[in-house]
Amino acid sequence: MSLEQMVYTRPNKDRINLNPLQTGGILTPEARKVLVEFGDGYSVCDYCNGRLDQIDEPPIRKFVYDQLPKFLGSDIARITGGARDGIFAVLHAITKPGDTIIVDGNKHYSTYVAAERAGLNIIQVPNSGHPEFKINVRDYEKLIKEHKPAVILLTYPDGSYGNLPDARTLGEIALRNNVPYIVNGAYAVGRMPIDMNSLGADFIIGSGHKSMASSGPIGVVGMKKKWEEKVLRVSSCYKSKELEALGCTARGASIMTMMASFPYVRKRVADWKKQVEKARWFSEEMEKLGIIQLGEKPHNHDLMFFEAPGLFEASQTHKRGRFFLYDELQKNNIWGIKPGLTKQFKISTFSASKEELEKVLGVFKEILKK
């Protein structure tokens, strides 16, 4: 079949989706409409006078300068090409090559890559190890005094275990030691209540396609006003173009779907308590099957990491080997656990109803019986 003859469809469409990368980014009906309307390249640029964030129609200016900072609890906000782009933009703007950054040991790989690209030395705060893998934010202080970092970063929550470390206490530590503080909230902003200023952070990073019901890639960055001159400095030649954004960032379908979903996203964070209750219930039921949740207990996020010795043992003799679990879940219209994983895997309960999760539990029960 030639490229011209191919019709692309998503293999996970209309299935129960447990994929942590996707559950917070599922589009609202309103976002799906604008996805089509603004799907053409550069489709928001018809009335642009040189700055994406200052377009009035569609109302991007109001979103970026008014609604988004209030939502993030920041003084200023901008759109980025993704969470990693926001992290790199901040690091590139406020550090110089050879400086040191301190990050948590549960950080996403893109944090390390962004710091490495900026030419920084990277020091990691270790986690507590199996089974909780917790980050004790007080461990930052000794490393701050020892290494005199240009910036510190905390992943809140981390994308492996869904742990929520004490971000507010780290804000106090950062203030006490006069060091800039970044919160990577890629799995927080848009899913749960979070306020940059109340955490004592200088910067907050979010991901639209992971947690703000947006097509991607797209991210957000919020900051204190005191960083405006450094992080949002403009080109010496093109006065309307901010350097760290390379002039413009996400435009077209990504920014429009974020804006279309925003009223819904603002409302759903208010129901975060119900999301945590649902995740804890699911964790307890999985453990009754002998599938053990690692990370913090009781858990405080929809993203969870499970260890399944029974499934791993079955994979050693099954004709499909370690791919049997993926096959069985697919037969039952369940999506999100990567092919080949049986011993350990991640699940997010964010987008699934309790009834759907009851079906998931029943399928796991049947698989273990087999």
Foldseek 3Di string as FASTA:
>chain_A
DDPVPDDDDDLQPPFAAFALQAQQQAFDPLLVVQCVVFVDPQSQCPQDPQAPCPDPVVDNVCCQQPVVCVQQQFNGKDKAQFLLLQLLLVCLLQDAAAFEEEEEPLADVSNVVSCVVRNYHYHYQFAPDPFARHGALVSVLVVCVVRVGQEYEYEAQGQAANAGYLLLVNLVSCVVSVHAYEYEDQVPRLQARHHQVNSNHFKYKYANNSRQNFDHRMIMMGGYPVCCCRSQPADPVSRSAGVSRVSDHDGTSGSSSSVSSVVVSVVNNVVLVVQLVLQLVLQVLVVVVVWHWGHDPVHRFQKTKTFHPLQQVVLVPDPVRQQVVVVLCVVVRYDHFDGSDGGMTMTGCNNPDSVSSVVVSVSVNVVSVD
